[in-house]
Amino acid sequence: MSNQEQPTKAVALKYDKGSAPTVSAKGEDALAQEMIAVAKAAGVYIHQDEHLCDFLQKLEVGEAIPKELYLLIAELIAFAYVLDGKFPEKWNNMHQKILEEV
């Protein structure tokens, strides 16, 4: 096995409410490292999943994610919203009720 590090890869997704997320940028090595640094500096949440990244790398910039990934990506987007303290209105402040009970 080689002592060389695996190349760094990154894929950025763009999500506009009402449409499927699309690949907005992708890169490897220095470009990927720069994408990650810029995202971190901007407070963008970063999800690390080598297999998902490898799959998304196969898509073209501007291409929508395939339907098979809708649920997975939806869960990641929803989790990012929760981390920002945003919850759907239909939750009726469920998160606050949970915190009050704890």
N, C-alpha and C. Protein backbone atom coordinates (compact mmCIF):
# COMPACT_ATOMS: atom_id res chain seq x y z
N MET A 1 0.84 -1.18 0.00
CA MET A 1 0.00 0.00 0.00
C MET A 1 0.88 1.24 0.00
N SER A 2 0.50 2.22 -0.75
CA SER A 2 1.28 3.44 -0.90
C SER A 2 1.11 4.36 0.30
N ASN A 3 2.16 5.13 0.60
CA ASN A 3 2.10 6.11 1.67
C ASN A 3 1.48 7.42 1.19
N GLN A 4 1.19 7.52 -0.10
CA GLN A 4 0.60 8.74 -0.63
C GLN A 4 -0.82 8.91 -0.10
N GLU A 5 -1.17 10.17 0.17
CA GLU A 5 -2.53 10.46 0.60
C GLU A 5 -3.48 10.34 -0.58
N GLN A 6 -4.71 10.00 -0.27
CA GLN A 6 -5.74 9.98 -1.29
C GLN A 6 -5.98 11.42 -1.73
N PRO A 7 -6.30 11.63 -3.00
CA PRO A 7 -6.57 12.99 -3.45
C PRO A 7 -7.80 13.54 -2.74
N THR A 8 -7.76 14.83 -2.43
CA THR A 8 -8.90 15.49 -1.83
C THR A 8 -9.91 15.76 -2.93
N LYS A 9 -11.18 15.50 -2.65
CA LYS A 9 -12.25 15.77 -3.60
C LYS A 9 -13.34 16.56 -2.88
N ALA A 10 -14.04 17.39 -3.64
CA ALA A 10 -15.15 18.14 -3.08
C ALA A 10 -16.21 18.37 -4.14
N VAL A 11 -17.45 18.36 -3.70
CA VAL A 11 -18.59 18.66 -4.57
C VAL A 11 -19.50 19.61 -3.80
N ALA A 12 -19.90 20.69 -4.44
CA ALA A 12 -20.83 21.63 -3.84
C ALA A 12 -22.19 21.45 -4.51
N LEU A 13 -23.23 21.47 -3.69
CA LEU A 13 -24.59 21.37 -4.21
C LEU A 13 -25.32 22.68 -3.97
N LYS A 14 -26.18 23.01 -4.91
CA LYS A 14 -27.03 24.20 -4.79
C LYS A 14 -28.46 23.72 -4.70
N TYR A 15 -29.20 24.28 -3.77
CA TYR A 15 -30.60 23.90 -3.62
C TYR A 15 -31.48 25.14 -3.64
N ASP A 16 -32.38 25.19 -4.60
CA ASP A 16 -33.41 26.22 -4.66
C ASP A 16 -34.73 25.53 -4.38
N LYS A 17 -35.45 26.06 -3.40
CA LYS A 17 -36.72 25.44 -3.00
C LYS A 17 -37.59 25.18 -4.23
N GLY A 18 -38.11 23.99 -4.31
CA GLY A 18 -39.01 23.64 -5.40
C GLY A 18 -38.36 22.89 -6.55
N SER A 19 -37.04 22.73 -6.50
CA SER A 19 -36.37 21.97 -7.56
C SER A 19 -35.31 21.07 -6.94
N ALA A 20 -34.85 20.13 -7.71
CA ALA A 20 -33.84 19.19 -7.21
C ALA A 20 -32.50 19.91 -7.02
N PRO A 21 -31.74 19.52 -6.01
CA PRO A 21 -30.40 20.09 -5.85
C PRO A 21 -29.54 19.80 -7.08
N THR A 22 -28.67 20.72 -7.40
CA THR A 22 -27.78 20.56 -8.55
C THR A 22 -26.34 20.70 -8.10
N VAL A 23 -25.44 20.14 -8.88
CA VAL A 23 -24.02 20.29 -8.63
C VAL A 23 -23.62 21.70 -9.06
N SER A 24 -23.12 22.49 -8.12
CA SER A 24 -22.74 23.86 -8.45
C SER A 24 -21.23 24.01 -8.64
N ALA A 25 -20.47 23.07 -8.11
CA ALA A 25 -19.01 23.08 -8.29
C ALA A 25 -18.47 21.72 -7.89
N LYS A 26 -17.32 21.39 -8.46
CA LYS A 26 -16.64 20.16 -8.05
C LYS A 26 -15.17 20.32 -8.36
N GLY A 27 -14.35 19.63 -7.61
CA GLY A 27 -12.93 19.73 -7.85
C GLY A 27 -12.15 18.67 -7.10
N GLU A 28 -10.89 18.57 -7.46
CA GLU A 28 -9.98 17.63 -6.81
C GLU A 28 -8.71 18.37 -6.41
N ASP A 29 -8.00 17.80 -5.46
CA ASP A 29 -6.71 18.30 -4.99
C ASP A 29 -6.79 19.77 -4.57
N ALA A 30 -5.97 20.64 -5.17
CA ALA A 30 -5.88 22.04 -4.73
C ALA A 30 -7.22 22.75 -4.87
N LEU A 31 -7.94 22.50 -5.95
CA LEU A 31 -9.25 23.14 -6.14
C LEU A 31 -10.22 22.68 -5.06
N ALA A 32 -10.23 21.41 -4.74
CA ALA A 32 -11.11 20.88 -3.70
C ALA A 32 -10.76 21.49 -2.35
N GLN A 33 -9.48 21.60 -2.06
CA GLN A 33 -9.05 22.19 -0.79
C GLN A 33 -9.48 23.65 -0.70
N GLU A 34 -9.40 24.37 -1.82
CA GLU A 34 -9.83 25.76 -1.84
C GLU A 34 -11.35 25.86 -1.66
N MET A 35 -12.09 24.97 -2.30
CA MET A 35 -13.55 24.94 -2.13
C MET A 35 -13.91 24.72 -0.67
N ILE A 36 -13.24 23.80 -0.03
CA ILE A 36 -13.51 23.48 1.38
C ILE A 36 -13.16 24.67 2.26
N ALA A 37 -12.03 25.30 2.01
CA ALA A 37 -11.61 26.47 2.80
C ALA A 37 -12.61 27.61 2.65
N VAL A 38 -13.04 27.88 1.44
CA VAL A 38 -14.01 28.96 1.20
C VAL A 38 -15.34 28.63 1.88
N ALA A 39 -15.77 27.39 1.78
CA ALA A 39 -17.02 26.99 2.41
C ALA A 39 -16.94 27.15 3.93
N LYS A 40 -15.86 26.70 4.52
CA LYS A 40 -15.69 26.84 5.97
C LYS A 40 -15.69 28.30 6.38
N ALA A 41 -14.98 29.14 5.63
CA ALA A 41 -14.91 30.57 5.94
C ALA A 41 -16.29 31.23 5.85
N ALA A 42 -17.14 30.69 4.97
CA ALA A 42 -18.48 31.25 4.78
C ALA A 42 -19.50 30.63 5.74
N GLY A 43 -19.06 29.68 6.56
CA GLY A 43 -19.98 29.04 7.50
C GLY A 43 -20.86 27.98 6.88
N VAL A 44 -20.46 27.47 5.73
CA VAL A 44 -21.23 26.42 5.05
C VAL A 44 -20.92 25.09 5.74
N TYR A 45 -21.97 24.32 5.97
CA TYR A 45 -21.77 23.01 6.58
C TYR A 45 -21.16 22.05 5.56
N ILE A 46 -20.25 21.24 6.03
CA ILE A 46 -19.55 20.30 5.16
C ILE A 46 -19.84 18.88 5.64
N HIS A 47 -20.32 18.07 4.73
CA HIS A 47 -20.59 16.66 5.03
C HIS A 47 -19.52 15.84 4.34
N GLN A 48 -18.83 15.00 5.10
CA GLN A 48 -17.76 14.18 4.54
C GLN A 48 -18.25 12.76 4.34
N ASP A 49 -18.33 12.36 3.09
CA ASP A 49 -18.73 11.00 2.75
C ASP A 49 -18.04 10.66 1.43
N GLU A 50 -17.00 9.88 1.52
CA GLU A 50 -16.17 9.56 0.36
C GLU A 50 -16.98 8.95 -0.78
N HIS A 51 -17.88 8.03 -0.45
CA HIS A 51 -18.65 7.34 -1.48
C HIS A 51 -19.65 8.28 -2.16
N LEU A 52 -20.31 9.10 -1.38
CA LEU A 52 -21.24 10.08 -1.95
C LEU A 52 -20.49 11.06 -2.83
N CYS A 53 -19.35 11.53 -2.37
CA CYS A 53 -18.54 12.46 -3.15
C CYS A 53 -18.10 11.84 -4.47
N ASP A 54 -17.64 10.61 -4.41
CA ASP A 54 -17.22 9.92 -5.64
C ASP A 54 -18.37 9.83 -6.64
N PHE A 55 -19.56 9.52 -6.14
CA PHE A 55 -20.72 9.43 -7.02
C PHE A 55 -21.07 10.80 -7.61
N LEU A 56 -21.09 11.83 -6.76
CA LEU A 56 -21.44 13.17 -7.22
C LEU A 56 -20.39 13.73 -8.18
N GLN A 57 -19.15 13.30 -8.05
CA GLN A 57 -18.09 13.74 -8.96
C GLN A 57 -18.38 13.32 -10.40
N LYS A 58 -19.17 12.28 -10.58
CA LYS A 58 -19.49 11.80 -11.91
C LYS A 58 -20.52 12.69 -12.63
N LEU A 59 -21.21 13.54 -11.86
CA LEU A 59 -22.20 14.44 -12.44
C LEU A 59 -21.50 15.69 -12.98
N GLU A 60 -22.14 16.33 -13.93
CA GLU A 60 -21.62 17.57 -14.49
C GLU A 60 -22.09 18.76 -13.66
N VAL A 61 -21.32 19.83 -13.65
CA VAL A 61 -21.74 21.06 -12.98
C VAL A 61 -23.04 21.52 -13.64
N GLY A 62 -24.04 21.83 -12.83
CA GLY A 62 -25.35 22.24 -13.33
C GLY A 62 -26.34 21.10 -13.41
N GLU A 63 -25.84 19.87 -13.30
CA GLU A 63 -26.71 18.70 -13.40
C GLU A 63 -27.42 18.43 -12.07
N ALA A 64 -28.70 18.09 -12.14
CA ALA A 64 -29.47 17.77 -10.94
C ALA A 64 -29.05 16.40 -10.42
N ILE A 65 -29.14 16.24 -9.10
CA ILE A 65 -28.85 14.94 -8.52
C ILE A 65 -29.90 13.94 -8.99
N PRO A 66 -29.56 12.67 -9.10
CA PRO A 66 -30.54 11.67 -9.51
C PRO A 66 -31.58 11.42 -8.42
N LYS A 67 -32.74 10.97 -8.83
CA LYS A 67 -33.85 10.73 -7.89
C LYS A 67 -33.45 9.78 -6.77
N GLU A 68 -32.54 8.86 -7.06
CA GLU A 68 -32.11 7.89 -6.05
C GLU A 68 -31.44 8.57 -4.85
N LEU A 69 -30.96 9.79 -5.03
CA LEU A 69 -30.29 10.50 -3.94
C LEU A 69 -31.19 11.52 -3.25
N TYR A 70 -32.42 11.70 -3.71
CA TYR A 70 -33.29 12.73 -3.15
C TYR A 70 -33.41 12.61 -1.63
N LEU A 71 -33.73 11.42 -1.13
CA LEU A 71 -33.94 11.26 0.31
C LEU A 71 -32.67 11.56 1.09
N LEU A 72 -31.56 11.03 0.66
CA LEU A 72 -30.29 11.27 1.35
C LEU A 72 -29.95 12.75 1.39
N ILE A 73 -30.01 13.41 0.24
CA ILE A 73 -29.66 14.83 0.18
C ILE A 73 -30.68 15.66 0.96
N ALA A 74 -31.96 15.28 0.89
CA ALA A 74 -33.00 15.99 1.65
C ALA A 74 -32.70 15.92 3.15
N GLU A 75 -32.26 14.76 3.62
CA GLU A 75 -31.91 14.61 5.03
C GLU A 75 -30.73 15.50 5.40
N LEU A 76 -29.74 15.59 4.53
CA LEU A 76 -28.58 16.44 4.80
C LEU A 76 -28.99 17.92 4.82
N ILE A 77 -29.83 18.32 3.88
CA ILE A 77 -30.30 19.72 3.85
C ILE A 77 -31.13 20.01 5.10
N ALA A 78 -32.02 19.10 5.45
CA ALA A 78 -32.86 19.29 6.64
C ALA A 78 -31.99 19.40 7.90
N PHE A 79 -30.98 18.57 7.99
CA PHE A 79 -30.09 18.62 9.15
C PHE A 79 -29.36 19.96 9.22
N ALA A 80 -28.92 20.47 8.07
CA ALA A 80 -28.26 21.78 8.04
C ALA A 80 -29.22 22.88 8.51
N TYR A 81 -30.49 22.80 8.10
CA TYR A 81 -31.48 23.77 8.56
C TYR A 81 -31.64 23.70 10.08
N VAL A 82 -31.72 22.49 10.62
CA VAL A 82 -31.86 22.32 12.06
C VAL A 82 -30.64 22.89 12.79
N LEU A 83 -29.45 22.65 12.25
CA LEU A 83 -28.25 23.21 12.87
C LEU A 83 -28.29 24.73 12.90
N ASP A 84 -28.98 25.33 11.92
CA ASP A 84 -29.14 26.78 11.88
C ASP A 84 -30.32 27.25 12.72
N GLY A 85 -31.01 26.32 13.38
CA GLY A 85 -32.16 26.68 14.21
C GLY A 85 -33.43 26.92 13.42
N LYS A 86 -33.49 26.42 12.20
CA LYS A 86 -34.67 26.59 11.35
C LYS A 86 -35.47 25.29 11.36
N PHE A 87 -36.76 25.42 11.57
CA PHE A 87 -37.63 24.26 11.61
C PHE A 87 -38.88 24.55 10.78
N PRO A 88 -39.44 23.53 10.15
CA PRO A 88 -40.68 23.73 9.40
C PRO A 88 -41.80 24.20 10.32
N GLU A 89 -42.69 25.03 9.80
CA GLU A 89 -43.80 25.54 10.60
C GLU A 89 -44.65 24.43 11.18
N LYS A 90 -44.83 23.36 10.45
CA LYS A 90 -45.69 22.26 10.90
C LYS A 90 -45.13 21.53 12.11
N TRP A 91 -43.90 21.81 12.46
CA TRP A 91 -43.33 21.17 13.64
C TRP A 91 -43.90 21.75 14.91
N ASN A 92 -44.59 22.89 14.81
CA ASN A 92 -45.21 23.53 15.98
C ASN A 92 -44.23 23.67 17.14
N ASN A 93 -43.04 24.11 16.81
CA ASN A 93 -42.00 24.31 17.82
C ASN A 93 -41.70 23.03 18.61
N MET A 94 -41.78 21.89 17.94
CA MET A 94 -41.51 20.61 18.58
C MET A 94 -40.14 20.61 19.26
N HIS A 95 -39.15 21.24 18.61
CA HIS A 95 -37.81 21.27 19.21
C HIS A 95 -37.83 22.00 20.55
N GLN A 96 -38.63 23.06 20.67
CA GLN A 96 -38.71 23.79 21.93
C GLN A 96 -39.38 22.94 23.00
N LYS A 97 -40.43 22.20 22.61
CA LYS A 97 -41.10 21.32 23.56
C LYS A 97 -40.15 20.25 24.07
N ILE A 98 -39.33 19.72 23.19
CA ILE A 98 -38.35 18.70 23.59
C ILE A 98 -37.35 19.30 24.57
N LEU A 99 -36.85 20.49 24.27
CA LEU A 99 -35.89 21.13 25.16
C LEU A 99 -36.51 21.43 26.53
N GLU A 100 -37.77 21.82 26.56
CA GLU A 100 -38.43 22.13 27.83
C GLU A 100 -38.59 20.87 28.68
N GLU A 101 -38.82 19.72 28.04
CA GLU A 101 -38.99 18.47 28.76
C GLU A 101 -37.67 17.94 29.30
N VAL A 102 -36.58 18.29 28.66
CA VAL A 102 -35.28 17.79 29.07
C VAL A 102 -34.78 18.68 30.15
